């Protein structure tokens, strides 16, 4: 199956690239390993976006929400509507295993088929790849790297590892829904990037003791009924029913490295690409969306990468 372009990743920016490819008359395919907008689907059920609906619009399809900042449910409905409006060529629940360079094309191997394409766009984001704790007990069923809903934690002892927006959101919601919440924070304070409307609430809950917090602490081991960590050279073990390890996420470096993409630095592992065309060090392979930032996961968002598809397709057309 020969294509002009294969887009790996069916998130908002993968959809943008598909729309631009269709407008340009290219023979294209979007391949997504999970559901449409897989990352957003795994966001917390009651999540509200920081961006306004206007800034999340793509493909010329209006995004109308009940409030200024849309919810996860509204976003899922919107992007389904965009995909339907443009009748995009998308394969869902198909995972890309490998991309091999041929003389003048690429072979894309998935768990279902083999494709050949002149160009490849990698728009895999970072939310699907967790930052592991690499500690004993992380594999237990009580441990999750994603937070979806507070209901299962009613009347349970929940330890939340991490103090970013995800950790603070989960801590507040679980406490409000009747959980006994303990936060384990590696740093000496909550992260500076906490949303301004969340920070006072979480700080006050910690100050009054409604939510327990251990700062300058690192988890050593997770057990079936307890959690062991160290704080100021002192080992502490607390009773625990569930662990939410909300320690952050990272790009799919396995795929990037397999393709042969190189990186600008070691600290943030930022991929090398042309800022004007988004083409990587591999001619014909492009990056789009938040994967551009490497480990700088707070630098790129939907609203700041909506032009990626236009840049990439313009460069592909210029080569033709």
C-alpha atoms as a PDB file:
ATOM      1  CA  UNK A   1       0.000   0.000   0.000  1.00  0.00           C
ATOM      2  CA  UNK A   2       1.794   3.083  -1.299  1.00  0.00           C
ATOM      3  CA  UNK A   3       1.140   6.500   0.290  1.00  0.00           C
ATOM      4  CA  UNK A   4       2.482  10.009  -0.106  1.00  0.00           C
ATOM      5  CA  UNK A   5       2.343  10.448   3.652  1.00  0.00           C
ATOM      6  CA  UNK A   6       1.756   8.331   6.745  1.00  0.00           C
ATOM      7  CA  UNK A   7       0.990  10.163   9.992  1.00  0.00           C
ATOM      8  CA  UNK A   8       1.774   8.260  13.190  1.00  0.00           C
ATOM      9  CA  UNK A   9      -0.546   9.480  15.943  1.00  0.00           C
ATOM     10  CA  UNK A  10      -4.247  10.329  15.864  1.00  0.00           C
ATOM     11  CA  UNK A  11      -4.261  13.227  18.317  1.00  0.00           C
ATOM     12  CA  UNK A  12      -5.312  16.804  17.500  1.00  0.00           C
ATOM     13  CA  UNK A  13      -2.089  17.603  15.623  1.00  0.00           C
ATOM     14  CA  UNK A  14      -2.082  14.285  13.789  1.00  0.00           C
ATOM     15  CA  UNK A  15      -5.598  15.188  12.670  1.00  0.00           C
ATOM     16  CA  UNK A  16      -4.369  18.640  11.603  1.00  0.00           C
ATOM     17  CA  UNK A  17      -1.681  17.015   9.445  1.00  0.00           C
ATOM     18  CA  UNK A  18      -4.287  14.719   7.912  1.00  0.00           C
ATOM     19  CA  UNK A  19      -6.550  17.659   7.085  1.00  0.00           C
ATOM     20  CA  UNK A  20      -3.713  19.563   5.396  1.00  0.00           C
ATOM     21  CA  UNK A  21      -2.676  16.453   3.462  1.00  0.00           C
ATOM     22  CA  UNK A  22      -6.242  15.963   2.232  1.00  0.00           C
ATOM     23  CA  UNK A  23      -6.520  19.625   1.219  1.00  0.00           C
ATOM     24  CA  UNK A  24      -3.294  19.228  -0.779  1.00  0.00           C
ATOM     25  CA  UNK A  25      -4.619  16.139  -2.564  1.00  0.00           C
ATOM     26  CA  UNK A  26      -2.031  13.794  -1.039  1.00  0.00           C
ATOM     27  CA  UNK A  27      -2.640  10.077  -0.586  1.00  0.00           C
ATOM     28  CA  UNK A  28      -2.287   9.854   3.200  1.00  0.00           C
ATOM     29  CA  UNK A  29      -3.076   7.662   6.182  1.00  0.00           C
ATOM     30  CA  UNK A  30      -3.273   8.386   9.933  1.00  0.00           C
ATOM     31  CA  UNK A  31      -2.337   5.438  12.163  1.00  0.00           C
ATOM     32  CA  UNK A  32      -3.322   5.526  15.855  1.00  0.00           C
ATOM     33  CA  UNK A  33      -2.457   2.758  18.333  1.00  0.00           C
ATOM     34  CA  UNK A  34      -5.573   3.390  20.457  1.00  0.00           C
ATOM     35  CA  UNK A  35      -8.774   5.368  20.203  1.00  0.00           C
ATOM     36  CA  UNK A  36      -9.116   8.671  18.389  1.00  0.00           C
ATOM     37  CA  UNK A  37      -7.425  11.369  20.505  1.00  0.00           C
ATOM     38  CA  UNK A  38      -6.031   8.571  22.660  1.00  0.00           C
ATOM     39  CA  UNK A  39      -4.153  10.871  25.050  1.00  0.00           C
ATOM     40  CA  UNK A  40      -7.150  13.106  25.747  1.00  0.00           C
ATOM     41  CA  UNK A  41      -9.311  10.034  26.281  1.00  0.00           C
ATOM     42  CA  UNK A  42      -7.055   9.006  29.183  1.00  0.00           C
ATOM     43  CA  UNK A  43      -7.208  12.431  30.838  1.00  0.00           C
ATOM     44  CA  UNK A  44      -9.139  12.657  34.153  1.00  0.00           C
ATOM     45  CA  UNK A  45     -12.896  12.369  33.584  1.00  0.00           C
ATOM     46  CA  UNK A  46     -13.653  15.818  35.042  1.00  0.00           C
ATOM     47  CA  UNK A  47     -10.666  17.640  33.548  1.00  0.00           C
ATOM     48  CA  UNK A  48     -11.060  21.204  32.265  1.00  0.00           C
ATOM     49  CA  UNK A  49      -8.641  22.592  29.680  1.00  0.00           C
ATOM     50  CA  UNK A  50      -6.413  25.543  30.475  1.00  0.00           C
ATOM     51  CA  UNK A  51      -6.903  26.838  26.896  1.00  0.00           C
ATOM     52  CA  UNK A  52     -10.139  28.297  25.580  1.00  0.00           C
ATOM     53  CA  UNK A  53     -12.180  26.420  22.989  1.00  0.00           C
ATOM     54  CA  UNK A  54     -11.187  28.921  20.285  1.00  0.00           C
ATOM     55  CA  UNK A  55      -7.504  28.103  20.785  1.00  0.00           C
ATOM     56  CA  UNK A  56      -8.239  24.379  20.450  1.00  0.00           C
ATOM     57  CA  UNK A  57     -10.064  24.705  17.119  1.00  0.00           C
ATOM     58  CA  UNK A  58      -8.628  22.936  14.068  1.00  0.00           C
ATOM     59  CA  UNK A  59      -9.666  22.368  10.472  1.00  0.00           C
ATOM     60  CA  UNK A  60     -11.969  25.375  10.369  1.00  0.00           C
ATOM     61  CA  UNK A  61     -14.574  23.558  12.501  1.00  0.00           C
ATOM     62  CA  UNK A  62     -16.003  25.773  15.296  1.00  0.00           C
ATOM     63  CA  UNK A  63     -15.522  24.491  18.851  1.00  0.00           C
ATOM     64  CA  UNK A  64     -18.491  25.591  20.952  1.00  0.00           C
ATOM     65  CA  UNK A  65     -18.399  24.738  24.664  1.00  0.00           C
ATOM     66  CA  UNK A  66     -20.704  25.561  27.579  1.00  0.00           C
ATOM     67  CA  UNK A  67     -18.020  27.632  29.306  1.00  0.00           C
ATOM     68  CA  UNK A  68     -14.925  29.558  28.219  1.00  0.00           C
ATOM     69  CA  UNK A  69     -12.685  26.582  28.964  1.00  0.00           C
ATOM     70  CA  UNK A  70     -13.981  23.269  27.589  1.00  0.00           C
ATOM     71  CA  UNK A  71     -14.074  19.937  29.386  1.00  0.00           C
ATOM     72  CA  UNK A  72     -12.531  16.629  28.373  1.00  0.00           C
ATOM     73  CA  UNK A  73     -15.951  15.339  27.286  1.00  0.00           C
ATOM     74  CA  UNK A  74     -16.547  18.375  25.076  1.00  0.00           C
ATOM     75  CA  UNK A  75     -13.069  18.019  23.534  1.00  0.00           C
ATOM     76  CA  UNK A  76     -13.623  14.353  22.673  1.00  0.00           C
ATOM     77  CA  UNK A  77     -16.945  15.217  21.036  1.00  0.00           C
ATOM     78  CA  UNK A  78     -15.350  18.097  19.115  1.00  0.00           C
ATOM     79  CA  UNK A  79     -12.433  16.136  17.671  1.00  0.00           C
ATOM     80  CA  UNK A  80     -14.750  13.271  16.679  1.00  0.00           C
ATOM     81  CA  UNK A  81     -16.807  15.836  14.810  1.00  0.00           C
ATOM     82  CA  UNK A  82     -13.700  17.237  13.103  1.00  0.00           C
ATOM     83  CA  UNK A  83     -12.617  13.764  11.943  1.00  0.00           C
ATOM     84  CA  UNK A  84     -16.125  13.076  10.633  1.00  0.00           C
ATOM     85  CA  UNK A  85     -16.456  16.474   8.942  1.00  0.00           C
ATOM     86  CA  UNK A  86     -13.240  15.938   6.994  1.00  0.00           C
ATOM     87  CA  UNK A  87     -13.888  12.207   6.490  1.00  0.00           C
ATOM     88  CA  UNK A  88     -10.280  11.517   7.413  1.00  0.00           C
ATOM     89  CA  UNK A  89      -8.513   8.264   6.536  1.00  0.00           C
ATOM     90  CA  UNK A  90      -7.680   6.920  10.016  1.00  0.00           C
ATOM     91  CA  UNK A  91      -6.778   3.434  11.211  1.00  0.00           C
ATOM     92  CA  UNK A  92      -7.497   3.091  14.942  1.00  0.00           C
ATOM     93  CA  UNK A  93      -6.214   0.385  17.309  1.00  0.00           C
ATOM     94  CA  UNK A  94      -3.213  -0.219  15.043  1.00  0.00           C
ATOM     95  CA  UNK A  95       0.255   0.142  16.549  1.00  0.00           C
ATOM     96  CA  UNK A  96       3.329   1.152  14.547  1.00  0.00           C
ATOM     97  CA  UNK A  97       6.141  -1.260  15.348  1.00  0.00           C
ATOM     98  CA  UNK A  98       8.941  -0.070  13.087  1.00  0.00           C
ATOM     99  CA  UNK A  99       9.820   2.423  10.343  1.00  0.00           C
ATOM    100  CA  UNK A 100      12.529   1.437   7.865  1.00  0.00           C
ATOM    101  CA  UNK A 101      14.132   3.703   5.276  1.00  0.00           C
ATOM    102  CA  UNK A 102      14.256   2.449   1.689  1.00  0.00           C
ATOM    103  CA  UNK A 103      16.116   4.104  -1.190  1.00  0.00           C
ATOM    104  CA  UNK A 104      13.420   6.688  -1.906  1.00  0.00           C
ATOM    105  CA  UNK A 105      10.662   5.771   0.540  1.00  0.00           C
ATOM    106  CA  UNK A 106       9.861   4.263   3.931  1.00  0.00           C
ATOM    107  CA  UNK A 107       8.313   1.023   5.077  1.00  0.00           C
ATOM    108  CA  UNK A 108       5.963   1.363   8.046  1.00  0.00           C
ATOM    109  CA  UNK A 109       5.387  -1.892   9.900  1.00  0.00           C
ATOM    110  CA  UNK A 110       2.356  -2.133  12.196  1.00  0.00           C
ATOM    111  CA  UNK A 111       0.842  -4.994  14.168  1.00  0.00           C
ATOM    112  CA  UNK A 112      -1.686  -5.392  11.354  1.00  0.00           C
ATOM    113  CA  UNK A 113      -0.075  -4.480   8.027  1.00  0.00           C
ATOM    114  CA  UNK A 114       2.934  -3.235   6.068  1.00  0.00           C
ATOM    115  CA  UNK A 115       2.808   0.124   4.273  1.00  0.00           C
ATOM    116  CA  UNK A 116       5.109   2.057   1.971  1.00  0.00           C
ATOM    117  CA  UNK A 117       5.193   5.843   2.001  1.00  0.00           C
ATOM    118  CA  UNK A 118       7.247   8.707   0.608  1.00  0.00           C
ATOM    119  CA  UNK A 119       7.044  10.722   3.831  1.00  0.00           C
ATOM    120  CA  UNK A 120       6.382  10.104   7.530  1.00  0.00           C
ATOM    121  CA  UNK A 121       5.044  12.438  10.232  1.00  0.00           C
ATOM    122  CA  UNK A 122       5.525  11.415  13.860  1.00  0.00           C
ATOM    123  CA  UNK A 123       2.866  13.098  16.007  1.00  0.00           C
ATOM    124  CA  UNK A 124       2.853  10.730  18.983  1.00  0.00           C
ATOM    125  CA  UNK A 125       2.782  13.335  21.775  1.00  0.00           C
ATOM    126  CA  UNK A 126       4.075  12.271  25.176  1.00  0.00           C
ATOM    127  CA  UNK A 127       1.111  11.424  27.431  1.00  0.00           C
ATOM    128  CA  UNK A 128       1.092   7.730  26.485  1.00  0.00           C
ATOM    129  CA  UNK A 129       4.609   7.144  27.853  1.00  0.00           C
ATOM    130  CA  UNK A 130       4.854   7.326  31.653  1.00  0.00           C
ATOM    131  CA  UNK A 131       7.931   8.272  33.671  1.00  0.00           C
ATOM    132  CA  UNK A 132       8.482   5.081  35.710  1.00  0.00           C
ATOM    133  CA  UNK A 133       9.470   5.146  39.371  1.00  0.00           C
ATOM    134  CA  UNK A 134      11.751   2.127  38.887  1.00  0.00           C
ATOM    135  CA  UNK A 135      11.105   0.873  42.416  1.00  0.00           C
ATOM    136  CA  UNK A 136       9.993  -2.417  43.916  1.00  0.00           C
ATOM    137  CA  UNK A 137       6.221  -2.860  43.915  1.00  0.00           C
ATOM    138  CA  UNK A 138       5.514  -0.517  40.985  1.00  0.00           C
ATOM    139  CA  UNK A 139       3.987  -3.470  39.113  1.00  0.00           C
ATOM    140  CA  UNK A 140       1.284  -4.041  41.758  1.00  0.00           C
ATOM    141  CA  UNK A 141      -2.365  -3.674  40.730  1.00  0.00           C
ATOM    142  CA  UNK A 142      -2.852  -0.932  43.358  1.00  0.00           C
ATOM    143  CA  UNK A 143      -0.455   1.360  41.434  1.00  0.00           C
ATOM    144  CA  UNK A 144      -1.571   3.545  38.529  1.00  0.00           C
ATOM    145  CA  UNK A 145       0.299   6.163  36.503  1.00  0.00           C
ATOM    146  CA  UNK A 146      -2.985   7.677  35.334  1.00  0.00           C
ATOM    147  CA  UNK A 147      -5.791   9.273  37.320  1.00  0.00           C
ATOM    148  CA  UNK A 148      -9.286   9.013  35.893  1.00  0.00           C
ATOM    149  CA  UNK A 149     -11.919   9.320  38.608  1.00  0.00           C
ATOM    150  CA  UNK A 150     -12.027   9.750  42.409  1.00  0.00           C
ATOM    151  CA  UNK A 151     -14.933   7.381  43.059  1.00  0.00           C
ATOM    152  CA  UNK A 152     -12.858   4.160  43.537  1.00  0.00           C
ATOM    153  CA  UNK A 153     -10.868   5.817  46.334  1.00  0.00           C
ATOM    154  CA  UNK A 154     -13.818   6.657  48.609  1.00  0.00           C
ATOM    155  CA  UNK A 155     -12.912   5.752  52.228  1.00  0.00           C
ATOM    156  CA  UNK A 156      -9.477   4.525  51.076  1.00  0.00           C
ATOM    157  CA  UNK A 157      -5.933   5.649  51.830  1.00  0.00           C
ATOM    158  CA  UNK A 158      -4.455   7.082  48.633  1.00  0.00           C
ATOM    159  CA  UNK A 159      -0.823   8.088  48.177  1.00  0.00           C
ATOM    160  CA  UNK A 160      -0.149  10.539  45.349  1.00  0.00           C
ATOM    161  CA  UNK A 161       3.435  10.736  44.099  1.00  0.00           C
ATOM    162  CA  UNK A 162       4.120  14.021  42.349  1.00  0.00           C
ATOM    163  CA  UNK A 163       3.193  17.656  42.881  1.00  0.00           C
ATOM    164  CA  UNK A 164       2.421  18.942  39.405  1.00  0.00           C
ATOM    165  CA  UNK A 165      -0.996  19.920  38.057  1.00  0.00           C
ATOM    166  CA  UNK A 166      -2.046  16.277  37.665  1.00  0.00           C
ATOM    167  CA  UNK A 167      -1.002  15.391  41.221  1.00  0.00           C
ATOM    168  CA  UNK A 168      -2.672  18.415  42.804  1.00  0.00           C
ATOM    169  CA  UNK A 169      -5.871  17.944  40.790  1.00  0.00           C
ATOM    170  CA  UNK A 170      -6.080  14.310  41.837  1.00  0.00           C
ATOM    171  CA  UNK A 171      -5.289  15.081  45.484  1.00  0.00           C
ATOM    172  CA  UNK A 172      -8.035  17.693  45.749  1.00  0.00           C
ATOM    173  CA  UNK A 173     -10.676  15.646  43.956  1.00  0.00           C
ATOM    174  CA  UNK A 174      -9.931  12.441  45.876  1.00  0.00           C
ATOM    175  CA  UNK A 175     -10.056  14.341  49.189  1.00  0.00           C
ATOM    176  CA  UNK A 176     -13.339  16.004  48.210  1.00  0.00           C
ATOM    177  CA  UNK A 177     -14.815  12.581  47.377  1.00  0.00           C
ATOM    178  CA  UNK A 178     -13.930  11.053  50.746  1.00  0.00           C
ATOM    179  CA  UNK A 179     -10.435   9.610  50.360  1.00  0.00           C
ATOM    180  CA  UNK A 180      -7.617   9.960  52.900  1.00  0.00           C
ATOM    181  CA  UNK A 181      -4.908  11.570  50.769  1.00  0.00           C
ATOM    182  CA  UNK A 182      -1.157  11.678  51.313  1.00  0.00           C
ATOM    183  CA  UNK A 183       1.180  13.444  48.875  1.00  0.00           C
ATOM    184  CA  UNK A 184       4.809  12.349  48.484  1.00  0.00           C
ATOM    185  CA  UNK A 185       6.788  15.199  46.917  1.00  0.00           C
ATOM    186  CA  UNK A 186      10.404  14.946  45.809  1.00  0.00           C
ATOM    187  CA  UNK A 187      10.975  18.713  45.947  1.00  0.00           C
ATOM    188  CA  UNK A 188      10.727  21.124  48.850  1.00  0.00           C
ATOM    189  CA  UNK A 189       7.495  22.685  47.536  1.00  0.00           C
ATOM    190  CA  UNK A 190       4.730  22.283  44.985  1.00  0.00           C
ATOM    191  CA  UNK A 191       5.771  22.923  41.386  1.00  0.00           C
ATOM    192  CA  UNK A 192       5.799  26.540  40.217  1.00  0.00           C
ATOM    193  CA  UNK A 193       3.709  25.595  37.185  1.00  0.00           C
ATOM    194  CA  UNK A 194       0.607  24.782  39.271  1.00  0.00           C
ATOM    195  CA  UNK A 195      -2.478  26.494  37.814  1.00  0.00           C
ATOM    196  CA  UNK A 196      -3.153  29.738  39.631  1.00  0.00           C
ATOM    197  CA  UNK A 197      -6.702  28.731  40.640  1.00  0.00           C
ATOM    198  CA  UNK A 198      -5.516  25.400  42.079  1.00  0.00           C
ATOM    199  CA  UNK A 199      -2.501  26.524  44.128  1.00  0.00           C
ATOM    200  CA  UNK A 200      -4.359  28.347  46.975  1.00  0.00           C
ATOM    201  CA  UNK A 201      -6.764  25.430  47.398  1.00  0.00           C
ATOM    202  CA  UNK A 202      -4.113  22.712  47.618  1.00  0.00           C
ATOM    203  CA  UNK A 203      -1.848  24.845  49.846  1.00  0.00           C
ATOM    204  CA  UNK A 204      -4.688  25.514  52.275  1.00  0.00           C
ATOM    205  CA  UNK A 205      -5.703  21.845  52.401  1.00  0.00           C
ATOM    206  CA  UNK A 206      -2.105  20.875  53.208  1.00  0.00           C
ATOM    207  CA  UNK A 207      -1.737  23.640  55.780  1.00  0.00           C
ATOM    208  CA  UNK A 208      -4.888  22.639  57.660  1.00  0.00           C
ATOM    209  CA  UNK A 209      -3.956  18.953  57.524  1.00  0.00           C
ATOM    210  CA  UNK A 210      -6.869  17.800  55.364  1.00  0.00           C
ATOM    211  CA  UNK A 211      -4.299  16.511  52.870  1.00  0.00           C
ATOM    212  CA  UNK A 212      -1.064  15.129  54.307  1.00  0.00           C
ATOM    213  CA  UNK A 213       2.120  16.063  52.458  1.00  0.00           C
ATOM    214  CA  UNK A 214       5.732  14.925  52.813  1.00  0.00           C
ATOM    215  CA  UNK A 215       8.197  17.184  51.004  1.00  0.00           C
ATOM    216  CA  UNK A 216      11.831  16.346  50.172  1.00  0.00           C
ATOM    217  CA  UNK A 217      10.721  12.724  50.118  1.00  0.00           C
ATOM    218  CA  UNK A 218      11.418   9.781  47.793  1.00  0.00           C
ATOM    219  CA  UNK A 219       9.468   6.531  47.609  1.00  0.00           C
ATOM    220  CA  UNK A 220      11.565   3.416  48.272  1.00  0.00           C
ATOM    221  CA  UNK A 221       9.046   0.591  47.976  1.00  0.00           C
ATOM    222  CA  UNK A 222       5.353  -0.052  47.426  1.00  0.00           C
ATOM    223  CA  UNK A 223       3.811  -2.982  49.319  1.00  0.00           C
ATOM    224  CA  UNK A 224       0.323  -4.492  49.292  1.00  0.00           C
ATOM    225  CA  UNK A 225      -0.826  -2.565  52.377  1.00  0.00           C
ATOM    226  CA  UNK A 226       1.911   0.007  53.007  1.00  0.00           C
ATOM    227  CA  UNK A 227       4.170   2.533  51.312  1.00  0.00           C
ATOM    228  CA  UNK A 228       7.797   3.070  52.357  1.00  0.00           C
ATOM    229  CA  UNK A 229       9.687   6.299  51.620  1.00  0.00           C
ATOM    230  CA  UNK A 230      12.604   8.340  52.895  1.00  0.00           C
ATOM    231  CA  UNK A 231      12.507  11.946  54.086  1.00  0.00           C
ATOM    232  CA  UNK A 232      15.537  13.812  55.430  1.00  0.00           C
ATOM    233  CA  UNK A 233      17.454  10.526  55.875  1.00  0.00           C
ATOM    234  CA  UNK A 234      14.564   9.068  57.872  1.00  0.00           C
ATOM    235  CA  UNK A 235      12.666   6.031  56.561  1.00  0.00           C
ATOM    236  CA  UNK A 236       8.882   6.242  56.986  1.00  0.00           C
ATOM    237  CA  UNK A 237       6.268   3.572  56.291  1.00  0.00           C
ATOM    238  CA  UNK A 238       2.551   4.418  56.121  1.00  0.00           C
ATOM    239  CA  UNK A 239      -0.621   2.392  55.612  1.00  0.00           C
ATOM    240  CA  UNK A 240      -1.794   2.578  52.034  1.00  0.00           C
ATOM    241  CA  UNK A 241      -4.525   1.143  49.768  1.00  0.00           C
ATOM    242  CA  UNK A 242      -3.795   2.797  46.398  1.00  0.00           C
ATOM    243  CA  UNK A 243      -0.918   4.681  44.764  1.00  0.00           C
ATOM    244  CA  UNK A 244      -1.283   7.291  42.012  1.00  0.00           C
ATOM    245  CA  UNK A 245       2.209   7.737  40.582  1.00  0.00           C
ATOM    246  CA  UNK A 246       1.638  10.995  38.690  1.00  0.00           C
ATOM    247  CA  UNK A 247       5.302  11.641  38.020  1.00  0.00           C
ATOM    248  CA  UNK A 248       5.006  12.895  34.467  1.00  0.00           C
ATOM    249  CA  UNK A 249       5.218  11.565  30.940  1.00  0.00           C
ATOM    250  CA  UNK A 250       7.695  11.489  28.046  1.00  0.00           C
ATOM    251  CA  UNK A 251       7.811  11.079  24.249  1.00  0.00           C
ATOM    252  CA  UNK A 252       8.040   7.621  22.695  1.00  0.00           C
ATOM    253  CA  UNK A 253      11.824   7.651  22.416  1.00  0.00           C
ATOM    254  CA  UNK A 254      11.884   3.996  21.373  1.00  0.00           C
ATOM    255  CA  UNK A 255      10.206   4.891  18.074  1.00  0.00           C
ATOM    256  CA  UNK A 256      12.231   8.088  17.573  1.00  0.00           C
ATOM    257  CA  UNK A 257      15.504   6.252  18.110  1.00  0.00           C
ATOM    258  CA  UNK A 258      14.464   3.340  15.904  1.00  0.00           C
ATOM    259  CA  UNK A 259      13.711   5.732  13.056  1.00  0.00           C
ATOM    260  CA  UNK A 260      17.165   7.290  13.490  1.00  0.00           C
ATOM    261  CA  UNK A 261      16.219  10.741  14.758  1.00  0.00           C
ATOM    262  CA  UNK A 262      19.028  12.510  16.613  1.00  0.00           C
ATOM    263  CA  UNK A 263      18.764  14.864  19.591  1.00  0.00           C
ATOM    264  CA  UNK A 264      20.017  18.369  20.338  1.00  0.00           C
ATOM    265  CA  UNK A 265      20.907  17.727  23.979  1.00  0.00           C
ATOM    266  CA  UNK A 266      21.116  15.060  26.665  1.00  0.00           C
ATOM    267  CA  UNK A 267      19.222  16.846  29.435  1.00  0.00           C
ATOM    268  CA  UNK A 268      15.901  17.370  27.625  1.00  0.00           C
ATOM    269  CA  UNK A 269      16.482  15.004  24.695  1.00  0.00           C
ATOM    270  CA  UNK A 270      15.012  17.518  22.258  1.00  0.00           C
ATOM    271  CA  UNK A 271      14.797  16.029  18.747  1.00  0.00           C
ATOM    272  CA  UNK A 272      16.709  17.724  15.941  1.00  0.00           C
ATOM    273  CA  UNK A 273      14.434  19.282  13.332  1.00  0.00           C
ATOM    274  CA  UNK A 274      14.204  22.271  10.985  1.00  0.00           C
ATOM    275  CA  UNK A 275      12.046  24.928  12.665  1.00  0.00           C
ATOM    276  CA  UNK A 276      10.649  26.128   9.332  1.00  0.00           C
ATOM    277  CA  UNK A 277       9.748  22.758   7.830  1.00  0.00           C
ATOM    278  CA  UNK A 278       9.727  20.449  10.916  1.00  0.00           C
ATOM    279  CA  UNK A 279      11.784  17.917   8.945  1.00  0.00           C
ATOM    280  CA  UNK A 280      14.201  15.910  11.098  1.00  0.00           C
ATOM    281  CA  UNK A 281      17.764  14.825  10.365  1.00  0.00           C
ATOM    282  CA  UNK A 282      16.161  12.000   8.352  1.00  0.00           C
ATOM    283  CA  UNK A 283      14.977  13.513   5.024  1.00  0.00           C
ATOM    284  CA  UNK A 284      11.284  12.812   4.576  1.00  0.00           C
ATOM    285  CA  UNK A 285      10.599  12.276   8.291  1.00  0.00           C
ATOM    286  CA  UNK A 286       8.830  15.089  10.152  1.00  0.00           C
ATOM    287  CA  UNK A 287       7.754  15.795  13.732  1.00  0.00           C
ATOM    288  CA  UNK A 288       4.523  17.515  14.745  1.00  0.00           C
ATOM    289  CA  UNK A 289       2.918  18.526  18.030  1.00  0.00           C
ATOM    290  CA  UNK A 290       4.290  18.324  21.543  1.00  0.00           C
ATOM    291  CA  UNK A 291       6.852  15.658  20.598  1.00  0.00           C
ATOM    292  CA  UNK A 292       8.922  18.584  19.256  1.00  0.00           C
ATOM    293  CA  UNK A 293       9.770  19.634  22.812  1.00  0.00           C
ATOM    294  CA  UNK A 294      11.314  16.373  23.984  1.00  0.00           C
ATOM    295  CA  UNK A 295      11.265  16.349  27.773  1.00  0.00           C
ATOM    296  CA  UNK A 296      10.187  20.007  27.834  1.00  0.00           C
ATOM    297  CA  UNK A 297       6.613  18.828  28.077  1.00  0.00           C
ATOM    298  CA  UNK A 298       5.318  22.209  29.244  1.00  0.00           C
ATOM    299  CA  UNK A 299       6.564  24.088  26.169  1.00  0.00           C
ATOM    300  CA  UNK A 300       4.262  22.881  23.380  1.00  0.00           C
ATOM    301  CA  UNK A 301       0.464  22.653  23.408  1.00  0.00           C
ATOM    302  CA  UNK A 302      -2.346  22.161  20.888  1.00  0.00           C
ATOM    303  CA  UNK A 303      -2.742  25.918  20.469  1.00  0.00           C
ATOM    304  CA  UNK A 304       0.965  26.471  19.728  1.00  0.00           C
ATOM    305  CA  UNK A 305       1.345  23.614  17.231  1.00  0.00           C
ATOM    306  CA  UNK A 306      -1.811  23.965  15.146  1.00  0.00           C
ATOM    307  CA  UNK A 307       0.280  25.333  12.259  1.00  0.00           C
ATOM    308  CA  UNK A 308       2.517  22.247  12.133  1.00  0.00           C
ATOM    309  CA  UNK A 309       0.474  20.480   9.480  1.00  0.00           C
ATOM    310  CA  UNK A 310       0.565  23.490   7.176  1.00  0.00           C
ATOM    311  CA  UNK A 311       4.367  23.782   7.514  1.00  0.00           C
ATOM    312  CA  UNK A 312       4.946  20.100   6.796  1.00  0.00           C
ATOM    313  CA  UNK A 313       2.581  19.784   3.831  1.00  0.00           C
ATOM    314  CA  UNK A 314       3.926  23.010   2.299  1.00  0.00           C
ATOM    315  CA  UNK A 315       7.439  21.551   2.410  1.00  0.00           C
ATOM    316  CA  UNK A 316       6.324  18.210   0.953  1.00  0.00           C
ATOM    317  CA  UNK A 317       4.521  19.982  -1.895  1.00  0.00           C
ATOM    318  CA  UNK A 318       7.564  22.188  -2.587  1.00  0.00           C
ATOM    319  CA  UNK A 319       9.703  19.058  -3.003  1.00  0.00           C
ATOM    320  CA  UNK A 320       7.180  17.549  -5.412  1.00  0.00           C
END
